[in-house]
């Protein structure tokens, strides 16, 4: 059984993922984030078919502390955040936590011939 991706965020954020074929999403308009984002993240995290939950890094600030900690420490599904100041290092750590290996580790061979 394949694991699906769920996207949580504003309709502007989720639209690109939906166009790319992501079928699970929780739209939370920016003006409703303080009230509805916790529920949307909890729903996505509770879905047994979801292996990865994607959301904007800035939206973490709108989550209650308990939901934020639960999402950030979850391994199944794993939370992947995009944007913000985290850069590639944040995503690298999230992928490493999710699958247990560092896919971006530097090899001895730098690839130049």
PDB file of N, CA and C in Angstrom:
ATOM      1  N   UNK A   1       0.839  -1.179   0.000  1.00  0.00           N
ATOM      2  CA  UNK A   1       0.000   0.000   0.000  1.00  0.00           C
ATOM      3  C   UNK A   1       0.885   1.244   0.000  1.00  0.00           C
ATOM      4  N   UNK A   2       0.633   2.140  -0.923  1.00  0.00           N
ATOM      5  CA  UNK A   2       1.470   3.336  -1.009  1.00  0.00           C
ATOM      6  C   UNK A   2       0.971   4.401  -0.053  1.00  0.00           C
ATOM      7  N   UNK A   3       1.881   5.146   0.466  1.00  0.00           N
ATOM      8  CA  UNK A   3       1.557   6.238   1.366  1.00  0.00           C
ATOM      9  C   UNK A   3       1.299   7.495   0.546  1.00  0.00           C
ATOM     10  N   UNK A   4       0.309   8.261   0.941  1.00  0.00           N
ATOM     11  CA  UNK A   4      -0.045   9.467   0.212  1.00  0.00           C
ATOM     12  C   UNK A   4       0.540  10.697   0.885  1.00  0.00           C
ATOM     13  N   UNK A   5       0.564  11.776   0.130  1.00  0.00           N
ATOM     14  CA  UNK A   5       0.995  13.078   0.637  1.00  0.00           C
ATOM     15  C   UNK A   5      -0.257  13.883   0.925  1.00  0.00           C
ATOM     16  N   UNK A   6      -0.274  14.557   2.059  1.00  0.00           N
ATOM     17  CA  UNK A   6      -1.352  15.489   2.393  1.00  0.00           C
ATOM     18  C   UNK A   6      -0.737  16.874   2.525  1.00  0.00           C
ATOM     19  N   UNK A   7      -1.437  17.879   2.043  1.00  0.00           N
ATOM     20  CA  UNK A   7      -0.956  19.253   2.106  1.00  0.00           C
ATOM     21  C   UNK A   7      -1.936  20.064   2.944  1.00  0.00           C
ATOM     22  N   UNK A   8      -1.396  20.842   3.880  1.00  0.00           N
ATOM     23  CA  UNK A   8      -2.214  21.669   4.760  1.00  0.00           C
ATOM     24  C   UNK A   8      -1.773  23.116   4.600  1.00  0.00           C
ATOM     25  N   UNK A   9      -2.732  23.995   4.363  1.00  0.00           N
ATOM     26  CA  UNK A   9      -2.399  25.413   4.266  1.00  0.00           C
ATOM     27  C   UNK A   9      -3.438  26.194   3.503  1.00  0.00           C
ATOM     28  N   UNK A  10      -3.070  27.393   3.142  1.00  0.00           N
ATOM     29  CA  UNK A  10      -3.983  28.274   2.413  1.00  0.00           C
ATOM     30  C   UNK A  10      -4.286  27.681   1.043  1.00  0.00           C
ATOM     31  N   UNK A  11      -5.439  28.030   0.480  1.00  0.00           N
ATOM     32  CA  UNK A  11      -5.759  27.534  -0.870  1.00  0.00           C
ATOM     33  C   UNK A  11      -4.673  27.887  -1.889  1.00  0.00           C
ATOM     34  N   UNK A  12      -4.026  29.036  -1.728  1.00  0.00           N
ATOM     35  CA  UNK A  12      -2.945  29.415  -2.646  1.00  0.00           C
ATOM     36  C   UNK A  12      -1.774  28.439  -2.544  1.00  0.00           C
ATOM     37  N   UNK A  13      -1.505  27.946  -1.337  1.00  0.00           N
ATOM     38  CA  UNK A  13      -0.406  27.008  -1.114  1.00  0.00           C
ATOM     39  C   UNK A  13      -0.757  25.609  -1.627  1.00  0.00           C
ATOM     40  N   UNK A  14      -1.979  25.170  -1.382  1.00  0.00           N
ATOM     41  CA  UNK A  14      -2.344  23.797  -1.738  1.00  0.00           C
ATOM     42  C   UNK A  14      -2.617  23.613  -3.227  1.00  0.00           C
ATOM     43  N   UNK A  15      -2.975  24.686  -3.936  1.00  0.00           N
ATOM     44  CA  UNK A  15      -3.365  24.568  -5.344  1.00  0.00           C
ATOM     45  C   UNK A  15      -2.290  23.922  -6.204  1.00  0.00           C
ATOM     46  N   UNK A  16      -1.047  24.336  -6.056  1.00  0.00           N
ATOM     47  CA  UNK A  16       0.033  23.758  -6.857  1.00  0.00           C
ATOM     48  C   UNK A  16       0.187  22.271  -6.622  1.00  0.00           C
ATOM     49  N   UNK A  17       0.038  21.847  -5.388  1.00  0.00           N
ATOM     50  CA  UNK A  17       0.135  20.424  -5.071  1.00  0.00           C
ATOM     51  C   UNK A  17      -1.036  19.650  -5.675  1.00  0.00           C
ATOM     52  N   UNK A  18      -2.222  20.248  -5.621  1.00  0.00           N
ATOM     53  CA  UNK A  18      -3.388  19.584  -6.214  1.00  0.00           C
ATOM     54  C   UNK A  18      -3.203  19.434  -7.713  1.00  0.00           C
ATOM     55  N   UNK A  19      -2.663  20.457  -8.376  1.00  0.00           N
ATOM     56  CA  UNK A  19      -2.412  20.375  -9.815  1.00  0.00           C
ATOM     57  C   UNK A  19      -1.380  19.303 -10.139  1.00  0.00           C
ATOM     58  N   UNK A  20      -0.489  19.033  -9.183  1.00  0.00           N
ATOM     59  CA  UNK A  20       0.540  18.007  -9.376  1.00  0.00           C
ATOM     60  C   UNK A  20       0.021  16.610  -9.037  1.00  0.00           C
ATOM     61  N   UNK A  21      -1.233  16.514  -8.625  1.00  0.00           N
ATOM     62  CA  UNK A  21      -1.810  15.194  -8.386  1.00  0.00           C
ATOM     63  C   UNK A  21      -2.011  14.806  -6.935  1.00  0.00           C
ATOM     64  N   UNK A  22      -1.671  15.682  -5.984  1.00  0.00           N
ATOM     65  CA  UNK A  22      -1.910  15.375  -4.572  1.00  0.00           C
ATOM     66  C   UNK A  22      -3.416  15.420  -4.334  1.00  0.00           C
ATOM     67  N   UNK A  23      -3.958  14.341  -3.786  1.00  0.00           N
ATOM     68  CA  UNK A  23      -5.410  14.241  -3.619  1.00  0.00           C
ATOM     69  C   UNK A  23      -5.888  14.571  -2.222  1.00  0.00           C
ATOM     70  N   UNK A  24      -4.991  14.590  -1.262  1.00  0.00           N
ATOM     71  CA  UNK A  24      -5.401  14.870   0.119  1.00  0.00           C
ATOM     72  C   UNK A  24      -4.882  16.247   0.517  1.00  0.00           C
ATOM     73  N   UNK A  25      -5.799  17.101   0.913  1.00  0.00           N
ATOM     74  CA  UNK A  25      -5.399  18.445   1.308  1.00  0.00           C
ATOM     75  C   UNK A  25      -6.411  19.026   2.277  1.00  0.00           C
ATOM     76  N   UNK A  26      -5.953  19.952   3.074  1.00  0.00           N
ATOM     77  CA  UNK A  26      -6.789  20.685   4.018  1.00  0.00           C
ATOM     78  C   UNK A  26      -6.569  22.163   3.728  1.00  0.00           C
ATOM     79  N   UNK A  27      -7.563  22.806   3.133  1.00  0.00           N
ATOM     80  CA  UNK A  27      -7.476  24.236   2.865  1.00  0.00           C
ATOM     81  C   UNK A  27      -7.860  25.019   4.120  1.00  0.00           C
ATOM     82  N   UNK A  28      -6.974  25.911   4.532  1.00  0.00           N
ATOM     83  CA  UNK A  28      -7.246  26.785   5.673  1.00  0.00           C
ATOM     84  C   UNK A  28      -6.886  28.200   5.242  1.00  0.00           C
ATOM     85  N   UNK A  29      -7.893  29.019   4.916  1.00  0.00           N
ATOM     86  CA  UNK A  29      -7.609  30.393   4.509  1.00  0.00           C
ATOM     87  C   UNK A  29      -6.797  31.131   5.580  1.00  0.00           C
ATOM     88  N   UNK A  30      -5.947  32.057   5.138  1.00  0.00           N
ATOM     89  CA  UNK A  30      -5.057  32.771   6.063  1.00  0.00           C
ATOM     90  C   UNK A  30      -5.800  33.391   7.236  1.00  0.00           C
ATOM     91  N   UNK A  31      -6.983  33.964   6.994  1.00  0.00           N
ATOM     92  CA  UNK A  31      -7.694  34.639   8.079  1.00  0.00           C
ATOM     93  C   UNK A  31      -8.349  33.665   9.065  1.00  0.00           C
ATOM     94  N   UNK A  32      -8.335  32.374   8.753  1.00  0.00           N
ATOM     95  CA  UNK A  32      -8.925  31.372   9.647  1.00  0.00           C
ATOM     96  C   UNK A  32      -7.871  30.479  10.301  1.00  0.00           C
ATOM     97  N   UNK A  33      -6.596  30.733  10.024  1.00  0.00           N
ATOM     98  CA  UNK A  33      -5.535  29.862  10.543  1.00  0.00           C
ATOM     99  C   UNK A  33      -5.514  29.743  12.063  1.00  0.00           C
ATOM    100  N   UNK A  34      -5.642  30.847  12.801  1.00  0.00           N
ATOM    101  CA  UNK A  34      -5.581  30.675  14.257  1.00  0.00           C
ATOM    102  C   UNK A  34      -6.659  29.738  14.792  1.00  0.00           C
ATOM    103  N   UNK A  35      -7.805  29.683  14.123  1.00  0.00           N
ATOM    104  CA  UNK A  35      -8.911  28.867  14.614  1.00  0.00           C
ATOM    105  C   UNK A  35      -8.929  27.459  14.042  1.00  0.00           C
ATOM    106  N   UNK A  36      -8.525  27.284  12.792  1.00  0.00           N
ATOM    107  CA  UNK A  36      -8.742  26.012  12.109  1.00  0.00           C
ATOM    108  C   UNK A  36      -7.490  25.202  11.793  1.00  0.00           C
ATOM    109  N   UNK A  37      -6.312  25.794  11.915  1.00  0.00           N
ATOM    110  CA  UNK A  37      -5.101  25.085  11.491  1.00  0.00           C
ATOM    111  C   UNK A  37      -4.817  23.862  12.358  1.00  0.00           C
ATOM    112  N   UNK A  38      -5.008  23.961  13.670  1.00  0.00           N
ATOM    113  CA  UNK A  38      -4.792  22.801  14.551  1.00  0.00           C
ATOM    114  C   UNK A  38      -5.632  21.611  14.093  1.00  0.00           C
ATOM    115  N   UNK A  39      -6.924  21.859  13.856  1.00  0.00           N
ATOM    116  CA  UNK A  39      -7.821  20.773  13.448  1.00  0.00           C
ATOM    117  C   UNK A  39      -7.391  20.178  12.113  1.00  0.00           C
ATOM    118  N   UNK A  40      -7.000  21.050  11.179  1.00  0.00           N
ATOM    119  CA  UNK A  40      -6.591  20.578   9.848  1.00  0.00           C
ATOM    120  C   UNK A  40      -5.347  19.696   9.943  1.00  0.00           C
ATOM    121  N   UNK A  41      -4.371  20.109  10.743  1.00  0.00           N
ATOM    122  CA  UNK A  41      -3.146  19.318  10.902  1.00  0.00           C
ATOM    123  C   UNK A  41      -3.457  17.999  11.610  1.00  0.00           C
ATOM    124  N   UNK A  42      -4.275  18.054  12.645  1.00  0.00           N
ATOM    125  CA  UNK A  42      -4.646  16.821  13.352  1.00  0.00           C
ATOM    126  C   UNK A  42      -5.341  15.837  12.416  1.00  0.00           C
ATOM    127  N   UNK A  43      -6.236  16.340  11.565  1.00  0.00           N
ATOM    128  CA  UNK A  43      -6.934  15.466  10.612  1.00  0.00           C
ATOM    129  C   UNK A  43      -5.953  14.809   9.649  1.00  0.00           C
ATOM    130  N   UNK A  44      -5.042  15.598   9.111  1.00  0.00           N
ATOM    131  CA  UNK A  44      -4.069  15.054   8.163  1.00  0.00           C
ATOM    132  C   UNK A  44      -3.162  14.031   8.843  1.00  0.00           C
ATOM    133  N   UNK A  45      -2.727  14.321  10.071  1.00  0.00           N
ATOM    134  CA  UNK A  45      -1.823  13.419  10.786  1.00  0.00           C
ATOM    135  C   UNK A  45      -2.527  12.122  11.184  1.00  0.00           C
ATOM    136  N   UNK A  46      -3.842  12.169  11.390  1.00  0.00           N
ATOM    137  CA  UNK A  46      -4.596  10.990  11.824  1.00  0.00           C
ATOM    138  C   UNK A  46      -4.989  10.076  10.673  1.00  0.00           C
ATOM    139  N   UNK A  47      -4.838  10.532   9.431  1.00  0.00           N
ATOM    140  CA  UNK A  47      -5.226   9.742   8.263  1.00  0.00           C
ATOM    141  C   UNK A  47      -4.202   8.624   8.052  1.00  0.00           C
ATOM    142  N   UNK A  48      -4.656   7.389   8.153  1.00  0.00           N
ATOM    143  CA  UNK A  48      -3.754   6.235   8.032  1.00  0.00           C
ATOM    144  C   UNK A  48      -3.125   6.096   6.657  1.00  0.00           C
ATOM    145  N   UNK A  49      -3.728   6.700   5.632  1.00  0.00           N
ATOM    146  CA  UNK A  49      -3.198   6.612   4.277  1.00  0.00           C
ATOM    147  C   UNK A  49      -2.081   7.615   4.019  1.00  0.00           C
ATOM    148  N   UNK A  50      -1.894   8.567   4.928  1.00  0.00           N
ATOM    149  CA  UNK A  50      -0.933   9.654   4.717  1.00  0.00           C
ATOM    150  C   UNK A  50       0.420   9.304   5.324  1.00  0.00           C
ATOM    151  N   UNK A  51       1.467   9.434   4.507  1.00  0.00           N
ATOM    152  CA  UNK A  51       2.832   9.189   4.979  1.00  0.00           C
ATOM    153  C   UNK A  51       3.625  10.469   5.157  1.00  0.00           C
ATOM    154  N   UNK A  52       3.225  11.527   4.437  1.00  0.00           N
ATOM    155  CA  UNK A  52       3.922  12.813   4.503  1.00  0.00           C
ATOM    156  C   UNK A  52       2.870  13.921   4.571  1.00  0.00           C
ATOM    157  N   UNK A  53       3.032  14.816   5.531  1.00  0.00           N
ATOM    158  CA  UNK A  53       2.187  16.005   5.632  1.00  0.00           C
ATOM    159  C   UNK A  53       3.066  17.199   5.290  1.00  0.00           C
ATOM    160  N   UNK A  54       2.648  17.984   4.297  1.00  0.00           N
ATOM    161  CA  UNK A  54       3.410  19.144   3.846  1.00  0.00           C
ATOM    162  C   UNK A  54       2.679  20.413   4.259  1.00  0.00           C
ATOM    163  N   UNK A  55       3.431  21.353   4.820  1.00  0.00           N
ATOM    164  CA  UNK A  55       2.861  22.658   5.129  1.00  0.00           C
ATOM    165  C   UNK A  55       3.946  23.716   5.096  1.00  0.00           C
ATOM    166  N   UNK A  56       3.541  24.983   5.068  1.00  0.00           N
ATOM    167  CA  UNK A  56       4.508  26.080   5.053  1.00  0.00           C
ATOM    168  C   UNK A  56       5.148  26.201   6.434  1.00  0.00           C
ATOM    169  N   UNK A  57       6.435  26.475   6.458  1.00  0.00           N
ATOM    170  CA  UNK A  57       7.158  26.645   7.707  1.00  0.00           C
ATOM    171  C   UNK A  57       6.532  27.747   8.564  1.00  0.00           C
ATOM    172  N   UNK A  58       6.115  28.843   7.927  1.00  0.00           N
ATOM    173  CA  UNK A  58       5.519  29.959   8.666  1.00  0.00           C
ATOM    174  C   UNK A  58       4.227  29.555   9.375  1.00  0.00           C
ATOM    175  N   UNK A  59       3.521  28.555   8.840  1.00  0.00           N
ATOM    176  CA  UNK A  59       2.263  28.138   9.455  1.00  0.00           C
ATOM    177  C   UNK A  59       2.460  27.427  10.786  1.00  0.00           C
ATOM    178  N   UNK A  60       3.665  26.943  11.048  1.00  0.00           N
ATOM    179  CA  UNK A  60       3.933  26.310  12.346  1.00  0.00           C
ATOM    180  C   UNK A  60       3.655  27.280  13.489  1.00  0.00           C
ATOM    181  N   UNK A  61       3.887  28.564  13.244  1.00  0.00           N
ATOM    182  CA  UNK A  61       3.670  29.577  14.285  1.00  0.00           C
ATOM    183  C   UNK A  61       2.200  29.687  14.674  1.00  0.00           C
ATOM    184  N   UNK A  62       1.293  29.269  13.794  1.00  0.00           N
ATOM    185  CA  UNK A  62      -0.139  29.361  14.063  1.00  0.00           C
ATOM    186  C   UNK A  62      -0.673  28.145  14.816  1.00  0.00           C
ATOM    187  N   UNK A  63       0.146  27.105  14.959  1.00  0.00           N
ATOM    188  CA  UNK A  63      -0.295  25.900  15.663  1.00  0.00           C
ATOM    189  C   UNK A  63      -0.151  26.080  17.174  1.00  0.00           C
ATOM    190  N   UNK A  64      -1.022  25.410  17.920  1.00  0.00           N
ATOM    191  CA  UNK A  64      -0.850  25.382  19.370  1.00  0.00           C
ATOM    192  C   UNK A  64       0.427  24.590  19.668  1.00  0.00           C
ATOM    193  N   UNK A  65       0.990  24.827  20.826  1.00  0.00           N
ATOM    194  CA  UNK A  65       2.272  24.189  21.153  1.00  0.00           C
ATOM    195  C   UNK A  65       2.184  22.663  21.110  1.00  0.00           C
ATOM    196  N   UNK A  66       1.109  22.107  21.645  1.00  0.00           N
ATOM    197  CA  UNK A  66       0.972  20.651  21.680  1.00  0.00           C
ATOM    198  C   UNK A  66       0.897  20.038  20.291  1.00  0.00           C
ATOM    199  N   UNK A  67       0.105  20.638  19.421  1.00  0.00           N
ATOM    200  CA  UNK A  67      -0.035  20.116  18.060  1.00  0.00           C
ATOM    201  C   UNK A  67       1.274  20.290  17.302  1.00  0.00           C
ATOM    202  N   UNK A  68       1.940  21.423  17.482  1.00  0.00           N
ATOM    203  CA  UNK A  68       3.216  21.669  16.799  1.00  0.00           C
ATOM    204  C   UNK A  68       4.245  20.628  17.215  1.00  0.00           C
ATOM    205  N   UNK A  69       4.367  20.356  18.519  1.00  0.00           N
ATOM    206  CA  UNK A  69       5.347  19.364  18.993  1.00  0.00           C
ATOM    207  C   UNK A  69       5.007  17.973  18.480  1.00  0.00           C
ATOM    208  N   UNK A  70       3.730  17.636  18.491  1.00  0.00           N
ATOM    209  CA  UNK A  70       3.310  16.320  17.998  1.00  0.00           C
ATOM    210  C   UNK A  70       3.651  16.166  16.519  1.00  0.00           C
ATOM    211  N   UNK A  71       3.360  17.193  15.735  1.00  0.00           N
ATOM    212  CA  UNK A  71       3.620  17.140  14.295  1.00  0.00           C
ATOM    213  C   UNK A  71       5.118  17.070  14.003  1.00  0.00           C
ATOM    214  N   UNK A  72       5.901  17.878  14.719  1.00  0.00           N
ATOM    215  CA  UNK A  72       7.338  17.935  14.441  1.00  0.00           C
ATOM    216  C   UNK A  72       8.083  16.684  14.874  1.00  0.00           C
ATOM    217  N   UNK A  73       7.546  15.934  15.820  1.00  0.00           N
ATOM    218  CA  UNK A  73       8.235  14.732  16.279  1.00  0.00           C
ATOM    219  C   UNK A  73       7.668  13.456  15.666  1.00  0.00           C
ATOM    220  N   UNK A  74       6.575  13.577  14.920  1.00  0.00           N
ATOM    221  CA  UNK A  74       5.948  12.406  14.307  1.00  0.00           C
ATOM    222  C   UNK A  74       6.860  11.814  13.228  1.00  0.00           C
ATOM    223  N   UNK A  75       6.884  10.484  13.171  1.00  0.00           N
ATOM    224  CA  UNK A  75       7.649   9.788  12.143  1.00  0.00           C
ATOM    225  C   UNK A  75       6.709   9.180  11.095  1.00  0.00           C
ATOM    226  N   UNK A  76       5.506   8.832  11.494  1.00  0.00           N
ATOM    227  CA  UNK A  76       4.530   8.278  10.557  1.00  0.00           C
ATOM    228  C   UNK A  76       3.160   8.839  10.859  1.00  0.00           C
ATOM    229  N   UNK A  77       2.741   9.862  10.161  1.00  0.00           N
ATOM    230  CA  UNK A  77       3.411  10.486   9.021  1.00  0.00           C
ATOM    231  C   UNK A  77       4.475  11.479   9.472  1.00  0.00           C
ATOM    232  N   UNK A  78       5.348  11.808   8.558  1.00  0.00           N
ATOM    233  CA  UNK A  78       6.383  12.792   8.838  1.00  0.00           C
ATOM    234  C   UNK A  78       5.894  14.143   8.323  1.00  0.00           C
ATOM    235  N   UNK A  79       6.213  15.192   9.077  1.00  0.00           N
ATOM    236  CA  UNK A  79       5.874  16.544   8.670  1.00  0.00           C
ATOM    237  C   UNK A  79       7.037  17.137   7.889  1.00  0.00           C
ATOM    238  N   UNK A  80       6.747  17.671   6.718  1.00  0.00           N
ATOM    239  CA  UNK A  80       7.746  18.364   5.912  1.00  0.00           C
ATOM    240  C   UNK A  80       7.266  19.792   5.744  1.00  0.00           C
ATOM    241  N   UNK A  81       8.117  20.753   6.127  1.00  0.00           N
ATOM    242  CA  UNK A  81       7.744  22.152   5.986  1.00  0.00           C
ATOM    243  C   UNK A  81       8.565  22.784   4.872  1.00  0.00           C
ATOM    244  N   UNK A  82       7.945  23.696   4.151  1.00  0.00           N
ATOM    245  CA  UNK A  82       8.585  24.370   3.030  1.00  0.00           C
ATOM    246  C   UNK A  82       8.618  25.863   3.276  1.00  0.00           C
ATOM    247  N   UNK A  83       9.671  26.517   2.770  1.00  0.00           N
ATOM    248  CA  UNK A  83       9.766  27.965   2.888  1.00  0.00           C
ATOM    249  C   UNK A  83      10.371  28.382   4.202  1.00  0.00           C
ATOM    250  N   UNK A  84      10.499  29.692   4.368  1.00  0.00           N
ATOM    251  CA  UNK A  84      11.070  30.209   5.601  1.00  0.00           C
ATOM    252  C   UNK A  84      12.571  30.133   5.602  1.00  0.00           C
ATOM    253  N   UNK A  85      13.153  30.350   6.755  1.00  0.00           N
ATOM    254  CA  UNK A  85      14.606  30.434   6.867  1.00  0.00           C
ATOM    255  C   UNK A  85      15.308  29.119   7.121  1.00  0.00           C
ATOM    256  N   UNK A  86      14.569  28.009   7.120  1.00  0.00           N
ATOM    257  CA  UNK A  86      15.190  26.730   7.460  1.00  0.00           C
ATOM    258  C   UNK A  86      16.191  26.282   6.411  1.00  0.00           C
ATOM    259  N   UNK A  87      15.976  26.642   5.161  1.00  0.00           N
ATOM    260  CA  UNK A  87      16.890  26.240   4.097  1.00  0.00           C
ATOM    261  C   UNK A  87      16.872  24.742   3.896  1.00  0.00           C
ATOM    262  N   UNK A  88      17.870  24.226   3.157  1.00  0.00           N
ATOM    263  CA  UNK A  88      17.926  22.812   2.846  1.00  0.00           C
ATOM    264  C   UNK A  88      18.181  21.943   4.049  1.00  0.00           C
ATOM    265  N   UNK A  89      18.827  22.478   5.077  1.00  0.00           N
ATOM    266  CA  UNK A  89      19.148  21.683   6.252  1.00  0.00           C
ATOM    267  C   UNK A  89      17.925  21.167   6.966  1.00  0.00           C
ATOM    268  N   UNK A  90      16.879  21.991   7.058  1.00  0.00           N
ATOM    269  CA  UNK A  90      15.657  21.571   7.725  1.00  0.00           C
ATOM    270  C   UNK A  90      14.994  20.424   6.995  1.00  0.00           C
ATOM    271  N   UNK A  91      14.882  20.527   5.684  1.00  0.00           N
ATOM    272  CA  UNK A  91      14.280  19.472   4.884  1.00  0.00           C
ATOM    273  C   UNK A  91      15.140  18.213   4.951  1.00  0.00           C
ATOM    274  N   UNK A  92      16.442  18.376   4.911  1.00  0.00           N
ATOM    275  CA  UNK A  92      17.351  17.229   4.992  1.00  0.00           C
ATOM    276  C   UNK A  92      17.127  16.458   6.295  1.00  0.00           C
ATOM    277  N   UNK A  93      17.012  17.169   7.405  1.00  0.00           N
ATOM    278  CA  UNK A  93      16.778  16.515   8.695  1.00  0.00           C
ATOM    279  C   UNK A  93      15.432  15.813   8.725  1.00  0.00           C
ATOM    280  N   UNK A  94      14.419  16.421   8.115  1.00  0.00           N
ATOM    281  CA  UNK A  94      13.090  15.820   8.097  1.00  0.00           C
ATOM    282  C   UNK A  94      13.094  14.529   7.290  1.00  0.00           C
ATOM    283  N   UNK A  95      13.755  14.530   6.147  1.00  0.00           N
ATOM    284  CA  UNK A  95      13.825  13.320   5.322  1.00  0.00           C
ATOM    285  C   UNK A  95      14.614  12.238   6.049  1.00  0.00           C
ATOM    286  N   UNK A  96      15.704  12.615   6.679  1.00  0.00           N
ATOM    287  CA  UNK A  96      16.523  11.650   7.421  1.00  0.00           C
ATOM    288  C   UNK A  96      15.709  11.013   8.542  1.00  0.00           C
ATOM    289  N   UNK A  97      14.910  11.824   9.257  1.00  0.00           N
ATOM    290  CA  UNK A  97      14.078  11.296  10.336  1.00  0.00           C
ATOM    291  C   UNK A  97      13.019  10.348   9.773  1.00  0.00           C
ATOM    292  N   UNK A  98      12.475  10.689   8.600  1.00  0.00           N
ATOM    293  CA  UNK A  98      11.387   9.900   8.029  1.00  0.00           C
ATOM    294  C   UNK A  98      11.848   8.533   7.556  1.00  0.00           C
ATOM    295  N   UNK A  99      13.008   8.467   6.913  1.00  0.00           N
ATOM    296  CA  UNK A  99      13.424   7.188   6.316  1.00  0.00           C
ATOM    297  C   UNK A  99      14.632   6.562   6.990  1.00  0.00           C
ATOM    298  N   UNK A 100      15.260   7.291   7.912  1.00  0.00           N
ATOM    299  CA  UNK A 100      16.342   6.710   8.697  1.00  0.00           C
ATOM    300  C   UNK A 100      17.724   6.795   8.089  1.00  0.00           C
ATOM    301  N   UNK A 101      17.843   7.349   6.887  1.00  0.00           N
ATOM    302  CA  UNK A 101      19.166   7.527   6.294  1.00  0.00           C
ATOM    303  C   UNK A 101      19.270   8.923   5.692  1.00  0.00           C
ATOM    304  N   UNK A 102      20.480   9.381   5.544  1.00  0.00           N
ATOM    305  CA  UNK A 102      20.729  10.704   4.989  1.00  0.00           C
ATOM    306  C   UNK A 102      20.988  10.565   3.496  1.00  0.00           C
ATOM    307  N   UNK A 103      19.968  10.876   2.695  1.00  0.00           N
ATOM    308  CA  UNK A 103      20.100  10.734   1.245  1.00  0.00           C
ATOM    309  C   UNK A 103      21.052  11.747   0.643  1.00  0.00           C
ATOM    310  N   UNK A 104      21.319  12.832   1.359  1.00  0.00           N
ATOM    311  CA  UNK A 104      22.146  13.899   0.818  1.00  0.00           C
ATOM    312  C   UNK A 104      23.559  13.893   1.385  1.00  0.00           C
ATOM    313  N   UNK A 105      23.948  12.791   1.976  1.00  0.00           N
ATOM    314  CA  UNK A 105      25.285  12.712   2.553  1.00  0.00           C
ATOM    315  C   UNK A 105      26.339  12.859   1.455  1.00  0.00           C
ATOM    316  N   UNK A 106      27.406  13.536   1.781  1.00  0.00           N
ATOM    317  CA  UNK A 106      28.498  13.743   0.827  1.00  0.00           C
ATOM    318  C   UNK A 106      29.245  12.427   0.641  1.00  0.00           C
ATOM    319  N   UNK A 107      29.441  12.046  -0.614  1.00  0.00           N
ATOM    320  CA  UNK A 107      30.239  10.868  -0.926  1.00  0.00           C
ATOM    321  C   UNK A 107      31.716  11.264  -1.007  1.00  0.00           C
ATOM    322  N   UNK A 108      32.580  10.250  -0.914  1.00  0.00           N
ATOM    323  CA  UNK A 108      33.996  10.489  -1.136  1.00  0.00           C
ATOM    324  C   UNK A 108      34.218  10.979  -2.551  1.00  0.00           C
ATOM    325  N   UNK A 109      33.472  10.403  -3.497  1.00  0.00           N
ATOM    326  CA  UNK A 109      33.567  10.783  -4.900  1.00  0.00           C
ATOM    327  C   UNK A 109      32.681  11.998  -5.125  1.00  0.00           C
ATOM    328  N   UNK A 110      33.254  13.077  -5.624  1.00  0.00           N
ATOM    329  CA  UNK A 110      32.472  14.280  -5.828  1.00  0.00           C
ATOM    330  C   UNK A 110      31.729  14.298  -7.155  1.00  0.00           C
ATOM    331  N   UNK A 111      31.848  13.233  -7.929  1.00  0.00           N
ATOM    332  CA  UNK A 111      31.120  13.113  -9.180  1.00  0.00           C
ATOM    333  C   UNK A 111      31.840  13.680 -10.380  1.00  0.00           C
ATOM    334  N   UNK A 112      32.952  14.362 -10.171  1.00  0.00           N
ATOM    335  CA  UNK A 112      33.673  14.927 -11.333  1.00  0.00           C
ATOM    336  C   UNK A 112      34.603  13.877 -11.906  1.00  0.00           C
ATOM    337  N   UNK A 113      34.649  13.820 -13.202  1.00  0.00           N
ATOM    338  CA  UNK A 113      35.506  12.829 -13.870  1.00  0.00           C
ATOM    339  C   UNK A 113      36.677  13.481 -14.543  1.00  0.00           C
TER     340      UNK A 113
END
